[in-house]
Structure formats: structure tokens, C-alpha cells
Protein backbone atom coordinates (compact mmCIF):
# COMPACT_ATOMS: atom_id res chain seq x y z
CA MET A 1 46.88 8.08 -64.95
CA ARG A 2 47.95 5.33 -62.78
CA TYR A 3 49.03 7.72 -59.76
CA ILE A 4 44.74 8.75 -59.79
CA LYS A 5 43.70 5.11 -60.16
CA PHE A 6 46.03 4.49 -56.87
CA SER A 7 44.92 7.07 -55.10
CA CYS A 8 40.80 5.70 -55.87
CA LEU A 9 41.76 2.74 -54.75
CA ILE A 10 43.44 3.63 -51.55
CA ILE A 11 40.47 6.32 -51.02
CA LEU A 12 38.35 3.42 -51.60
CA PHE A 13 40.01 1.08 -49.30
CA PHE A 14 39.72 3.55 -46.60
CA SER A 15 35.87 4.55 -47.52
CA ILE A 16 34.78 0.69 -47.18
CA TYR A 17 37.32 0.70 -44.17
CA SER A 18 36.11 3.29 -42.08
CA CYS A 19 32.38 1.90 -43.27
CA SER A 20 33.03 -1.51 -41.95
CA THR A 21 34.90 0.00 -38.56
CA LYS A 22 31.47 2.06 -37.82
CA ILE A 23 28.95 -0.98 -38.88
CA ASN A 24 30.86 -3.14 -36.71
CA LYS A 25 30.83 -0.67 -33.86
CA ASN A 26 26.71 -0.26 -33.68
CA ALA A 27 25.70 -4.15 -34.02
CA ASP A 28 24.36 -6.08 -31.58
CA ASP A 29 26.43 -7.00 -28.86
CA GLY A 30 24.42 -9.44 -27.26
CA ILE A 31 24.23 -7.03 -24.11
CA ILE A 32 21.38 -4.89 -23.67
CA LYS A 33 20.34 -3.40 -19.78
CA LEU A 34 16.71 -2.56 -18.42
CA SER A 35 15.49 -0.68 -15.68
CA PHE A 36 12.47 -0.92 -12.62
CA ILE A 37 11.66 2.44 -10.92
CA GLN A 38 9.53 -0.22 -8.06
CA ILE A 39 7.08 1.50 -5.26
CA ASN A 40 5.02 -0.59 -3.54
CA ASP A 41 2.90 -0.10 -0.59
CA VAL A 42 1.24 3.52 -1.69
CA TYR A 43 -1.50 5.25 0.25
CA GLU A 44 -0.50 9.11 0.04
CA ILE A 45 -0.23 10.92 -3.31
CA GLN A 46 0.47 13.68 -1.77
CA PRO A 47 4.08 14.21 -0.19
CA LEU A 48 4.03 13.83 3.89
CA GLU A 49 6.54 15.04 6.46
CA MET A 50 5.41 18.83 5.89
CA GLY A 51 6.07 18.39 2.07
CA HIS A 52 9.28 17.07 2.13
CA ALA A 53 8.97 12.86 1.79
CA GLY A 54 7.47 10.79 -0.45
CA GLY A 55 4.62 11.87 -3.17
CA MET A 56 3.52 10.63 -6.56
CA ALA A 57 4.97 13.71 -8.20
CA ARG A 58 8.67 12.49 -6.98
CA VAL A 59 8.45 8.91 -8.43
CA ALA A 60 7.30 10.81 -11.91
CA THR A 61 10.41 12.83 -11.96
CA GLN A 62 12.49 9.77 -10.87
CA LYS A 63 10.66 7.77 -13.95
CA LYS A 64 11.32 9.83 -16.22
CA LEU A 65 15.21 10.62 -15.00
CA SER A 66 15.84 6.71 -15.35
CA LEU A 67 14.45 6.76 -18.43
CA LYS A 68 16.96 9.72 -20.08
CA GLU A 69 19.08 6.61 -18.74
CA ASN A 70 17.84 3.98 -20.48
CA PRO A 71 14.65 3.98 -22.34
CA ASN A 72 14.08 0.09 -21.23
CA THR A 73 12.42 1.23 -17.62
CA PHE A 74 9.91 0.60 -16.24
CA LEU A 75 7.81 1.50 -12.96
CA VAL A 76 6.52 -1.48 -11.19
CA MET A 77 3.40 -1.14 -8.33
CA ALA A 78 4.17 -4.30 -6.07
CA GLY A 79 0.15 -3.71 -4.47
CA ASP A 80 -1.62 -2.24 -2.17
CA PHE A 81 -2.31 1.77 -3.74
CA LEU A 82 -6.46 1.39 -3.94
CA SER A 83 -6.37 1.31 0.15
CA PRO A 84 -6.67 2.24 2.91
CA SER A 85 -6.43 5.79 2.12
CA ILE A 86 -7.95 8.88 3.86
CA TYR A 87 -9.27 9.73 0.66
CA ASN A 88 -11.73 6.82 0.72
CA SER A 89 -14.16 8.23 2.81
CA LEU A 90 -14.78 11.14 0.88
CA LYS A 91 -17.10 11.74 -2.00
CA VAL A 92 -16.99 13.58 -4.74
CA ASN A 93 -20.81 14.53 -6.95
CA GLY A 94 -21.96 11.86 -4.03
CA VAL A 95 -19.66 9.16 -5.34
CA ARG A 96 -17.04 7.74 -2.83
CA VAL A 97 -13.48 8.01 -4.13
CA ARG A 98 -12.17 4.60 -3.13
CA GLY A 99 -8.78 5.01 -4.80
CA ARG A 100 -9.74 7.11 -7.62
CA GLN A 101 -7.02 9.72 -6.96
CA MET A 102 -4.53 6.99 -6.50
CA VAL A 103 -5.23 5.65 -10.35
CA GLU A 104 -4.78 9.19 -11.37
CA ALA A 105 -2.13 10.01 -10.42
CA MET A 106 -0.17 6.58 -11.07
CA ASN A 107 -1.12 6.89 -14.60
CA VAL A 108 0.37 10.32 -14.95
CA ALA A 109 3.45 8.99 -13.13
CA GLY A 110 4.05 6.94 -16.08
CA THR A 111 3.00 3.54 -14.30
CA ASP A 112 3.86 0.36 -16.81
CA LEU A 113 2.70 -2.74 -14.67
CA ALA A 114 0.66 -3.51 -10.99
CA MET A 115 -0.40 -6.38 -8.81
CA PHE A 116 -3.35 -6.58 -6.42
CA GLY A 117 -2.17 -6.05 -2.83
CA ASN A 118 -4.19 -7.72 -0.26
CA HIS A 119 -5.84 -4.20 0.06
CA GLU A 120 -6.85 -3.76 -3.45
CA PHE A 121 -9.69 -5.73 -2.25
CA ASP A 122 -11.13 -3.52 1.01
CA ILE A 123 -13.27 -1.50 -1.49
CA ASN A 124 -16.86 -3.52 -3.14
CA GLU A 125 -16.41 -5.29 -6.45
CA ASN A 126 -17.55 -2.28 -8.38
CA GLU A 127 -15.77 0.12 -7.32
CA LEU A 128 -12.37 -1.82 -8.18
CA GLN A 129 -13.85 -2.51 -11.23
CA SER A 130 -14.14 1.03 -12.11
CA ARG A 131 -10.53 1.79 -10.56
CA ILE A 132 -9.04 -0.52 -12.73
CA ASN A 133 -10.94 0.53 -16.10
CA GLU A 134 -9.92 3.37 -15.00
CA SER A 135 -5.95 2.61 -15.23
CA LYS A 136 -3.84 3.47 -18.26
CA PHE A 137 -0.99 0.61 -17.11
CA ASP A 138 -1.47 -3.36 -17.76
CA TRP A 139 -2.14 -5.68 -14.67
CA ILE A 140 -0.77 -9.38 -14.20
CA SER A 141 -2.17 -11.79 -11.43
CA SER A 142 -1.18 -15.24 -11.12
CA ASN A 143 -3.03 -16.45 -7.88
CA THR A 144 -5.77 -13.56 -7.65
CA PHE A 145 -9.03 -14.44 -9.12
CA HIS A 146 -12.42 -12.80 -9.67
CA ASN A 147 -15.27 -15.34 -8.10
CA VAL A 148 -18.15 -14.63 -10.73
CA ASN A 149 -21.26 -17.03 -9.27
CA ASN A 150 -18.94 -19.57 -7.69
CA SER A 151 -16.61 -19.72 -10.66
CA SER A 152 -13.33 -18.70 -10.87
CA GLU A 153 -12.54 -15.78 -13.61
CA PRO A 154 -9.72 -13.92 -14.69
CA PHE A 155 -10.18 -10.21 -13.21
CA TYR A 156 -10.27 -7.82 -16.40
CA LYS A 157 -10.19 -4.29 -17.99
CA ILE A 158 -12.77 -2.63 -19.85
CA GLU A 159 -11.18 -0.86 -22.77
CA ASN A 160 -13.38 0.47 -26.06
CA GLY A 161 -16.14 -1.87 -24.73
CA SER A 162 -14.29 -5.36 -24.50
CA LYS A 163 -12.78 -7.58 -21.99
CA ILE A 164 -8.78 -7.66 -21.60
CA PRO A 165 -8.51 -10.38 -19.04
CA PHE A 166 -5.41 -10.21 -16.34
CA PRO A 167 -2.83 -12.54 -17.59
CA GLU A 168 -1.37 -15.06 -15.20
CA THR A 169 2.25 -14.19 -16.80
CA ARG A 170 3.41 -11.78 -19.07
CA ILE A 171 6.35 -11.64 -21.35
CA ILE A 172 7.43 -8.14 -23.12
CA ASN A 173 9.96 -7.39 -25.51
CA ILE A 174 12.53 -5.02 -25.29
CA SER A 175 15.43 -3.67 -27.72
CA ASP A 176 18.36 -1.61 -27.88
CA ALA A 177 20.02 1.09 -29.90
CA ASP A 178 22.48 -1.37 -31.69
CA GLY A 179 19.80 -4.06 -31.90
CA THR A 180 20.02 -6.31 -29.17
CA THR A 181 16.91 -7.94 -28.29
CA ALA A 182 15.41 -9.69 -24.91
CA LYS A 183 12.08 -11.04 -23.77
CA ILE A 184 11.39 -10.17 -19.91
CA GLY A 185 9.11 -12.56 -18.38
CA PHE A 186 6.72 -11.51 -15.44
CA ILE A 187 5.04 -13.37 -12.52
CA ALA A 188 2.95 -11.81 -9.72
CA VAL A 189 1.47 -13.53 -6.51
CA THR A 190 -0.99 -11.83 -3.41
CA LEU A 191 -1.10 -13.44 0.17
CA PRO A 192 -4.72 -14.54 0.56
CA PHE A 193 -5.32 -11.99 3.16
CA ASN A 194 -8.20 -10.56 2.70
CA LYS A 195 -11.44 -12.77 2.26
CA ALA A 196 -13.78 -10.27 0.00
CA SER A 197 -16.52 -12.99 -1.46
CA TYR A 198 -15.65 -11.85 -5.36
CA VAL A 199 -12.00 -12.70 -4.86
CA VAL A 200 -10.83 -16.32 -4.98
CA TYR A 201 -7.06 -16.97 -4.24
CA THR A 202 -4.87 -20.56 -5.10
CA ASP A 203 -1.62 -21.37 -3.26
CA PRO A 204 1.02 -18.12 -4.07
CA LEU A 205 3.84 -20.85 -3.69
CA GLU A 206 2.49 -22.94 -6.28
CA ALA A 207 1.23 -20.85 -8.63
CA ALA A 208 4.60 -18.57 -8.57
CA ILE A 209 6.58 -22.12 -9.68
CA LYS A 210 3.39 -22.73 -12.04
CA ALA A 211 3.61 -19.87 -13.98
CA TYR A 212 7.53 -19.68 -13.74
CA ASN A 213 7.69 -22.81 -15.54
CA THR A 214 5.45 -21.65 -18.16
CA ILE A 215 7.27 -19.11 -19.51
CA LYS A 216 11.00 -20.06 -18.61
CA ASP A 217 12.10 -21.27 -21.72
CA SER A 218 10.33 -18.42 -23.76
CA CYS A 219 12.04 -15.87 -22.62
CA ASP A 220 15.72 -14.19 -21.35
CA ILE A 221 14.46 -13.57 -17.70
CA VAL A 222 11.85 -13.65 -15.73
CA VAL A 223 11.08 -11.27 -12.70
CA ALA A 224 8.81 -11.66 -9.74
CA ILE A 225 6.37 -9.33 -8.23
CA THR A 226 4.86 -10.56 -4.79
CA HIS A 227 2.55 -8.75 -2.66
CA GLN A 228 3.20 -11.06 0.69
CA ALA A 229 5.39 -11.88 3.77
CA MET A 230 8.80 -11.26 3.47
CA PRO A 231 9.40 -15.22 5.01
CA ASP A 232 7.46 -15.98 1.71
CA ASP A 233 9.35 -14.29 -0.24
CA VAL A 234 12.43 -15.93 0.68
CA ILE A 235 10.92 -19.08 0.27
CA LEU A 236 9.88 -18.43 -3.39
CA ALA A 237 13.56 -17.43 -3.73
CA GLU A 238 14.99 -20.23 -2.21
CA ARG A 239 12.42 -22.65 -4.62
CA LEU A 240 12.93 -20.51 -7.78
CA PRO A 241 16.44 -19.74 -7.66
CA GLN A 242 16.67 -18.67 -11.70
CA LEU A 243 14.19 -15.65 -10.89
CA ALA A 244 16.23 -12.26 -12.14
CA ILE A 245 14.51 -10.04 -9.05
CA ILE A 246 11.78 -10.30 -5.97
CA MET A 247 10.46 -6.86 -6.52
CA GLY A 248 7.91 -7.36 -3.24
CA GLY A 249 5.44 -5.42 -1.02
CA HIS A 250 3.32 -5.74 1.85
CA GLU A 251 5.75 -4.99 4.48
CA HIS A 252 6.31 -1.36 5.10
CA ASP A 253 9.43 -0.45 6.56
CA MET A 254 11.92 -1.01 3.68
CA ARG A 255 13.52 -5.17 2.90
CA HIS A 256 16.65 -6.11 1.10
CA GLN A 257 17.81 -9.21 1.06
CA LYS A 258 19.71 -11.64 -1.22
CA VAL A 259 18.56 -15.21 -1.34
CA GLY A 260 21.15 -16.92 -3.09
CA ASN A 261 21.11 -15.15 -6.12
CA VAL A 262 17.99 -13.92 -5.70
CA TRP A 263 17.55 -9.93 -4.74
CA ILE A 264 14.12 -9.64 -2.82
CA THR A 265 13.47 -6.17 -2.68
CA LYS A 266 10.39 -4.08 -0.88
CA ALA A 267 10.12 -0.02 -0.80
CA HIS A 268 9.32 1.95 2.09
CA ALA A 269 5.57 2.85 2.15
CA ASN A 270 3.76 6.25 0.44
CA ALA A 271 6.69 5.97 -1.73
CA ILE A 272 9.47 7.25 0.94
CA SER A 273 11.71 5.30 -1.01
CA VAL A 274 11.84 3.72 -4.29
CA PHE A 275 13.77 0.87 -5.81
CA LYS A 276 15.57 1.29 -8.90
CA ASN A 277 16.97 -2.09 -9.77
CA ASP A 278 19.16 -2.75 -12.63
CA ILE A 279 19.25 -5.66 -15.00
CA VAL A 280 22.08 -6.36 -17.68
CA ILE A 281 21.33 -9.97 -19.68
CA ASN A 282 24.54 -10.99 -21.48
CA LYS A 283 22.44 -13.03 -24.51
CA LYS A 284 25.33 -14.30 -25.71
CA ASN A 285 26.58 -16.22 -22.70
CA LYS A 286 22.64 -16.42 -21.57
CA ASN A 287 23.94 -14.93 -18.28
CA PHE A 288 22.08 -11.86 -16.30
CA THR A 289 23.89 -9.13 -13.43
CA THR A 290 21.28 -7.44 -11.18
CA THR A 291 21.81 -4.45 -9.12
CA THR A 292 20.17 -2.64 -6.99
CA SER A 293 19.63 0.83 -5.23
CA LEU A 294 16.90 2.63 -2.86
CA ILE A 295 16.46 6.15 -3.80
CA TYR A 296 14.58 8.03 -1.00
CA MET A 297 12.19 10.50 -2.59
CA ASN A 298 13.45 13.56 -0.62
CA ASP A 299 13.92 17.07 -1.25
CA SER A 300 16.89 16.15 -3.69
CA VAL A 301 14.37 14.65 -5.85
CA ALA A 302 12.27 17.75 -8.03
CA LEU A 303 8.14 17.25 -8.02
CA ASP A 304 6.97 16.67 -11.57
CA SER A 305 4.40 19.31 -12.48
CA ALA A 306 1.96 17.21 -14.45
CA ALA A 307 2.00 14.72 -11.63
CA SER A 308 1.85 17.87 -9.47
CA VAL A 309 -1.56 18.98 -11.05
CA VAL A 310 -3.07 16.02 -9.88
CA VAL A 311 -2.02 15.65 -6.55
CA LYS A 312 -2.49 19.49 -5.96
CA LYS A 313 -6.83 18.58 -7.68
CA TRP A 314 -7.31 15.99 -5.12
CA GLU A 315 -5.73 18.03 -1.86
CA ASP A 316 -7.87 20.54 -2.51
CA ILE A 317 -10.42 18.10 -2.82
CA SER A 318 -10.02 17.01 0.93
CA ASN A 319 -9.23 19.73 2.14
CA LYS A 320 -12.53 21.35 1.48
CA ASN A 321 -14.50 18.56 2.46
CA PHE A 322 -12.40 18.16 5.83
CA ALA A 323 -12.88 22.03 6.78
CA SER A 324 -16.71 21.11 6.17
CA LEU A 325 -16.43 19.05 9.11
CA GLY A 326 -14.22 21.20 11.27
CA PHE A 327 -10.63 20.14 10.57
CA ASP A 328 -7.62 22.25 9.16
CA ALA A 329 -5.47 19.32 7.60
CA LYS A 330 -2.23 21.27 7.70
CA LYS A 331 -2.14 22.28 11.31
CA ILE A 332 0.68 20.93 13.33
CA VAL A 333 -0.84 18.85 16.28
CA ILE A 334 2.87 17.36 17.31
CA ASN A 335 5.51 19.90 17.09
CA ASN A 336 7.55 17.09 18.16
CA GLY A 337 8.27 13.95 20.25
CA GLU A 338 8.98 10.02 19.78
CA THR A 339 7.61 8.88 16.39
CA LEU A 340 3.78 7.49 17.00
CA ASP A 341 3.69 3.27 15.82
CA GLY A 342 0.87 2.35 13.95
CA LYS A 343 1.98 -0.46 12.12
CA GLU A 344 -0.72 -2.98 11.35
CA ALA A 345 1.51 -6.05 12.34
CA HIS A 346 1.51 -3.85 15.85
CA VAL A 347 -1.50 -2.27 16.35
CA ARG A 348 -3.82 -5.46 16.54
CA SER A 349 -1.29 -7.26 18.73
CA GLN A 350 -0.53 -4.95 21.06
CA SER A 351 -1.20 -1.40 23.01
CA THR A 352 1.65 0.90 21.31
CA ASN A 353 2.03 4.45 21.80
CA LEU A 354 -0.27 5.51 19.11
CA THR A 355 -3.08 3.00 20.62
CA ARG A 356 -2.84 5.04 23.93
CA LEU A 357 -2.83 7.99 22.37
CA VAL A 358 -6.08 7.40 20.71
CA VAL A 359 -6.97 5.81 24.28
CA LYS A 360 -6.23 8.66 26.29
CA SER A 361 -8.16 11.13 23.97
CA MET A 362 -11.40 9.28 24.20
CA GLU A 363 -10.72 9.16 27.72
CA ALA A 364 -10.58 13.32 27.77
CA ALA A 365 -13.38 13.86 25.44
CA CYS A 366 -15.75 11.49 27.73
CA PRO A 367 -14.39 12.41 31.52
CA GLU A 368 -17.37 10.56 33.26
CA ALA A 369 -16.73 7.14 31.68
CA ASP A 370 -15.18 4.63 33.60
CA VAL A 371 -12.98 3.02 30.86
CA ALA A 372 -12.63 3.93 26.94
CA ILE A 373 -12.48 1.34 23.99
CA VAL A 374 -11.91 1.08 20.52
CA ASN A 375 -10.98 -1.50 17.92
CA SER A 376 -7.80 -1.77 16.33
CA GLY A 377 -9.13 -1.57 12.75
CA SER A 378 -10.17 1.72 12.94
CA ILE A 379 -6.07 2.82 12.98
CA ARG A 380 -5.41 2.15 9.42
CA VAL A 381 -2.29 4.13 8.68
CA ASP A 382 -0.38 0.92 8.85
CA ASP A 383 3.05 3.52 9.13
CA GLU A 384 4.73 5.25 11.52
CA LEU A 385 4.36 9.36 12.44
CA HIS A 386 7.15 10.91 12.46
CA PRO A 387 6.89 14.76 13.95
CA PRO A 388 5.89 17.23 13.31
CA ILE A 389 2.70 15.61 12.85
CA SER A 390 -0.65 17.69 11.52
CA GLN A 391 -4.00 17.41 11.39
CA TYR A 392 -3.82 15.52 7.89
CA ASP A 393 -1.52 12.75 9.68
CA ILE A 394 -4.50 12.10 12.45
CA LEU A 395 -7.21 12.27 9.74
CA ARG A 396 -5.34 9.41 7.96
CA THR A 397 -4.80 7.11 10.59
CA MET A 398 -8.28 6.85 11.19
CA PRO A 399 -9.93 7.78 7.77
CA PHE A 400 -13.35 6.39 9.02
CA GLY A 401 -13.30 8.46 11.77
CA GLY A 402 -17.08 8.23 13.52
CA ALA A 403 -18.55 9.29 16.90
CA ILE A 404 -17.83 8.66 20.57
CA VAL A 405 -20.53 6.97 21.94
CA GLU A 406 -20.96 6.90 25.76
CA VAL A 407 -23.10 3.52 27.20
CA ASP A 408 -24.08 1.90 30.78
CA MET A 409 -23.56 -1.82 30.81
CA GLU A 410 -23.64 -4.40 32.69
CA GLY A 411 -20.18 -5.61 34.15
CA SER A 412 -20.52 -8.91 32.81
CA LEU A 413 -20.81 -8.04 29.49
CA LEU A 414 -17.96 -5.31 29.60
CA SER A 415 -15.68 -8.45 30.59
CA LYS A 416 -17.14 -10.00 27.95
CA ILE A 417 -16.25 -8.21 25.41
CA LEU A 418 -12.62 -7.54 26.18
CA SER A 419 -12.12 -11.32 26.13
CA ILE A 420 -13.11 -11.42 22.70
CA GLY A 421 -11.22 -8.54 21.87
CA LEU A 422 -8.25 -10.75 23.08
CA THR A 423 -8.89 -13.72 20.81
CA ASN A 424 -9.09 -11.31 17.66
CA ILE A 425 -5.35 -10.96 18.17
CA GLY A 426 -4.30 -10.09 14.61
CA THR A 427 -7.24 -8.99 13.07
CA GLY A 428 -9.28 -5.43 13.12
CA GLY A 429 -11.40 -7.02 16.41
CA PHE A 430 -8.27 -6.73 18.85
CA LEU A 431 -9.35 -4.02 21.22
CA GLN A 432 -7.44 -1.41 22.54
CA TYR A 433 -8.53 -0.13 26.16
CA SER A 434 -7.82 1.98 29.15
CA GLU A 435 -4.74 1.38 30.81
CA LYS A 436 -6.62 0.96 34.00
CA LEU A 437 -8.29 -1.82 32.76
CA THR A 438 -6.07 -5.32 33.48
CA HIS A 439 -6.85 -8.80 33.21
CA ASN A 440 -5.71 -11.78 35.37
CA GLU A 441 -6.08 -15.31 35.57
CA GLY A 442 -9.43 -14.78 33.27
CA LYS A 443 -10.31 -11.83 35.45
CA TRP A 444 -10.62 -8.48 34.44
CA PHE A 445 -10.02 -5.93 36.81
CA ILE A 446 -10.63 -2.33 37.00
CA SER A 447 -8.15 -0.17 39.16
CA GLY A 448 -6.88 -3.17 40.64
CA LYS A 449 -10.71 -4.12 41.76
CA PRO A 450 -12.42 -6.65 39.99
CA ILE A 451 -15.14 -6.06 37.24
CA GLU A 452 -18.33 -7.02 39.02
CA ASP A 453 -21.09 -9.02 37.29
CA SER A 454 -24.41 -7.10 38.39
CA LYS A 455 -22.49 -3.72 38.69
CA ILE A 456 -23.22 -1.06 36.04
CA TYR A 457 -19.97 0.80 34.30
CA ARG A 458 -20.26 3.24 32.08
CA VAL A 459 -18.45 3.19 28.84
CA ALA A 460 -16.41 4.71 26.07
CA LEU A 461 -16.81 3.27 22.55
CA THR A 462 -16.63 4.23 19.16
CA ASP A 463 -19.76 3.94 17.25
CA PHE A 464 -19.00 1.52 14.97
CA LEU A 465 -18.16 -0.81 17.79
CA LEU A 466 -21.94 -0.19 18.90
CA THR A 467 -23.55 -1.73 15.56
CA GLY A 468 -22.50 -5.24 16.23
CA GLY A 469 -20.32 -5.41 13.27
CA GLU A 470 -16.40 -5.99 14.13
CA SER A 471 -15.04 -9.94 14.21
CA ASN A 472 -16.97 -12.23 16.96
CA LEU A 473 -18.67 -8.84 18.59
CA GLU A 474 -22.42 -9.21 17.23
CA LEU A 475 -23.64 -9.12 20.66
CA LEU A 476 -22.12 -5.34 21.05
CA THR A 477 -25.20 -3.70 20.09
CA ASP A 478 -27.84 -0.99 21.64
CA LYS A 479 -30.09 -3.90 21.32
CA ASN A 480 -28.45 -5.98 24.42
CA PRO A 481 -30.57 -6.37 27.62
CA SER A 482 -27.12 -5.67 29.08
CA ILE A 483 -26.88 -2.35 27.69
CA LYS A 484 -29.02 -0.12 29.73
CA LYS A 485 -28.66 3.26 28.58
CA VAL A 486 -26.98 4.89 25.61
CA TYR A 487 -26.34 8.77 25.94
CA PRO A 488 -26.98 11.39 23.30
CA LEU A 489 -24.76 11.45 20.51
CA ALA A 490 -23.08 14.74 20.54
CA THR A 491 -23.39 16.60 16.60
CA GLU A 492 -21.72 19.81 16.97
CA ILE A 493 -18.21 19.86 15.21
CA SER A 494 -16.82 21.91 18.29
CA ASN A 495 -17.78 18.83 20.50
CA PRO A 496 -14.50 16.34 20.39
CA ARG A 497 -17.30 13.29 21.19
CA SER A 498 -18.71 14.05 17.77
CA ASP A 499 -15.78 12.56 15.61
CA ILE A 500 -12.60 10.06 17.58
CA ARG A 501 -10.55 12.27 15.06
CA LEU A 502 -11.10 15.65 17.02
CA ALA A 503 -10.63 14.22 19.99
CA ILE A 504 -6.88 13.15 19.30
CA ILE A 505 -6.23 16.35 17.43
CA LYS A 506 -7.82 18.38 20.88
CA TYR A 507 -6.10 16.26 23.17
CA ALA A 508 -2.82 15.90 21.40
CA SER A 509 -2.76 19.31 20.83
CA LYS A 510 -1.96 20.37 24.85
């Protein structure tokens, strides 16, 4: 009997020890990890470079892969996704798309949090509100507000008939398998670039500091999501050295820099790459470590099936629309050669090989014109085009299209608009023009000969320029007495003058 009791005591002891060991093994260790999949400046939902790079379906796959590694994974969009886009000139059931395709793709990809980029305000107020209402992800805005009757109010989403204002800060709660919990704070600032009448900006740096100080004592780490120039992100990192990371947008060519202990990450535009940013929080010593890795969205990343359905839907819509205008979106225009520079910062301040291609195409379409002129704002790709280049690439380069119109104008007006174009540097009103045009000591020359004020010159322009709608070029309309003749517009889709993109495709195909 004593032997049996002793044996039971031993069994009980080891049972308690085993349970105690198991409990301790799964006890809160004070360590918790979270991951961010970061994208920014995405204007194309479908893959580019003949399907081998980018695409929201690959982003969706990456989000799912990361979720398998860590349930505390969040897909973040650091601004610029509603515009500019090739789809924005299209209509579905008579209504312009205006970013609808991107919101639908972001929803199915599992986007968790988004902020405004400057291009979100290219579309009008009602269109933006519709896109916000369609989104299934959360928004944040620390310095960008809605101008309502000259009063600054938060933007909002309408859900089930109720207005949900965008917060200036966000705090989310996370936990892991062993019970460790953490509070993650977010702030978000946008550069005050697009001055749409329905938008009000506060100073990004001041707003970021204010937002940070508001939540820093209420959470374990604070993450900044930004859409501004890299030098401003560097200043932000210097002013707020306790930030866990700055996930930014605006530049399109990928940025990765550490300022003090703060990493600044910006992925390639159009989801050519994503940043996977891992943060490990130690609750015991109140420290954290941040690790960043750039992942290219190429053929090594599978296309998510659900997201691919959405992409295919919108691809079919665009192809059908463009076919009616005489385009074969998948057809290759340029098989090989140099990369074409369509970066906004370049085309709005200088001539690039892409802008020269556009102007030469206009000249080829209008052989009787003395010179050709186009506004840089019509080139909206804000990216580099790598061969092979398809008709789709040309379409997304100049999504607004438009006819080429020829006019006879006096030399005095020609010189004046060219000079105004120079003063418009840095804006869409910066003009690109024929290489035979030169400027020296305040005077303009064609093929080395001075432009004569009273002489009549035949000039090829985009039809938009002749509306007077470009910056500081209100005088450039057919009502100006210095314009002596406007030649009839070409309307047949077989005529390259009917659409500047047709002109580019015809010229480049040679």
C-alpha cells in the first residue's frame, strides 16, 4: 500500500512539473513581432514589362505569404494610387473610372491602411468621395483636410449611412500566440503639392510632430507613413528619432536610407517591388528593432487568383475601350533600345528622350508644320519605360490623349508662348518643343534664324494647349488675333493627328 501511495506521489509530482513546464513555455515572453508590406505610387493594377513585373495580384500573394509567417502583418499604401492612371480617361456605363479599378484591386489584395498622396486630389471632390466610400481599408491623415465652405474638416468615409472621419492618428492593438500584446501608433503626412480647392493642408513637419506627441505615451511604437520628398523625410527622422520607421512615397525609383536609428523606405512605383518591414518589440526593456527587406514582384512571386480576376476584369474593359479608338494595347511598339525617361521631375524641367520622341512624332504627323509644341503635363507616366514597349505603355504615358491641331500664328505670339513655357519650369505648363527651336539672350530662333514678329508660322500643338487651359497660357486660344488660321482637325482613327498617342505609335514603330 505504501508503495502504491509513493508511486502516485511521484506521478502527481511529474504531472504538476510537466504542466508547469508547459505553461511556462507558452507564457508571455514580452516579445512581439509585426510586419508591414509597403507599397506606394501604384497606378497600374496589372503587371508591366510584358507581365513580368509588378501587379496587384503579386502584392496580394506577398500579403498572404507574410500572414502565414506572422498573423500581425499589415499591407500599407503610402499614397498616390487613384491618379494618374490610364483608366482615368475611360468610362464604364457613362461614368469615368477615376481610380475605381485601383480601389477594387486594393480591397481584394487585403490592404489594411492607406493615406493620401498628392495625386489623389487630381480627381474631383465627388469622385474622391466615391472611391473612399468603396474602400474596405482604413485611412489616416495627419495634415490633409477637407475644405467645406472655407472650413477645415476631416475627410470621411460613409459606411452604412454614417460618416466616419479620418483620424489624425491611429492606434491598433496586436497580440501573439503567447499572449504578448502591444499598441502600434500611426501618423501620416502629405506634401502640400496639389492645391485642389476642396483640400486644406497644414505644415507636414509640424503636423507630424504634433501627432507624434499626441500618441507617443499611449503606444509601444509609433510608425510614420508619409508622401513627401526624401529630404523632408530625412528631416522628419532627425526631428523624431524615436520613430520605429518611416514608410514613404512620392519618389518612384526606390529609396532606402537610415537616419540615426530610423529607416526610411520607399518601394519602386507600380509595385515593381514592395518593402517588407519587420519590427520586433521587447516589452520588458521597452526597445524595438526594425529590419527592412526589398522584395521584387517578379515571376518568382505567383499571381493571386482572386486578385487576378479583378485585374482581368479591368484589363478587358480597357482593351475594349482602346480598341474602339484604334489601339491594340498588347502590340509591341519598340522591341529594344534605351529606357525612356518619363519621370515627372525631369519632363517638367528639361528635355528627355521620351519628350523628344513625343515631339518628333508630332512633327512626323504634321510634316508641313514649322515647329511642334506639347505641354509636359500631358505626359503623366511619371516612370521609366523599359523595352519592350507596348501600345499600352504609350497609352499610360499620355492617358488623356487628344488630337494634334495645326495653326498659323504670328511670330510674336510664338515667341511669347515659348518664353512663358520656360517660366513654367517645374509644372505641367513647361513646354517641350522641336529641337530646331533655340533660345539665346531673350530671343528665339528656328534653325538658327530669328523668329520674326510679323511672320506667320505653322505650329503643331496638342488640342488642350489651344484651349488656354495650361498654366499662364490663357492667351493661347483660337480667339487670339495673332492666330490667323486653325486647320481642320483629323477625326479618322487612321490619321495619326486624330490622337497624339497614335502619332507616337506610328512614329516609334518605324
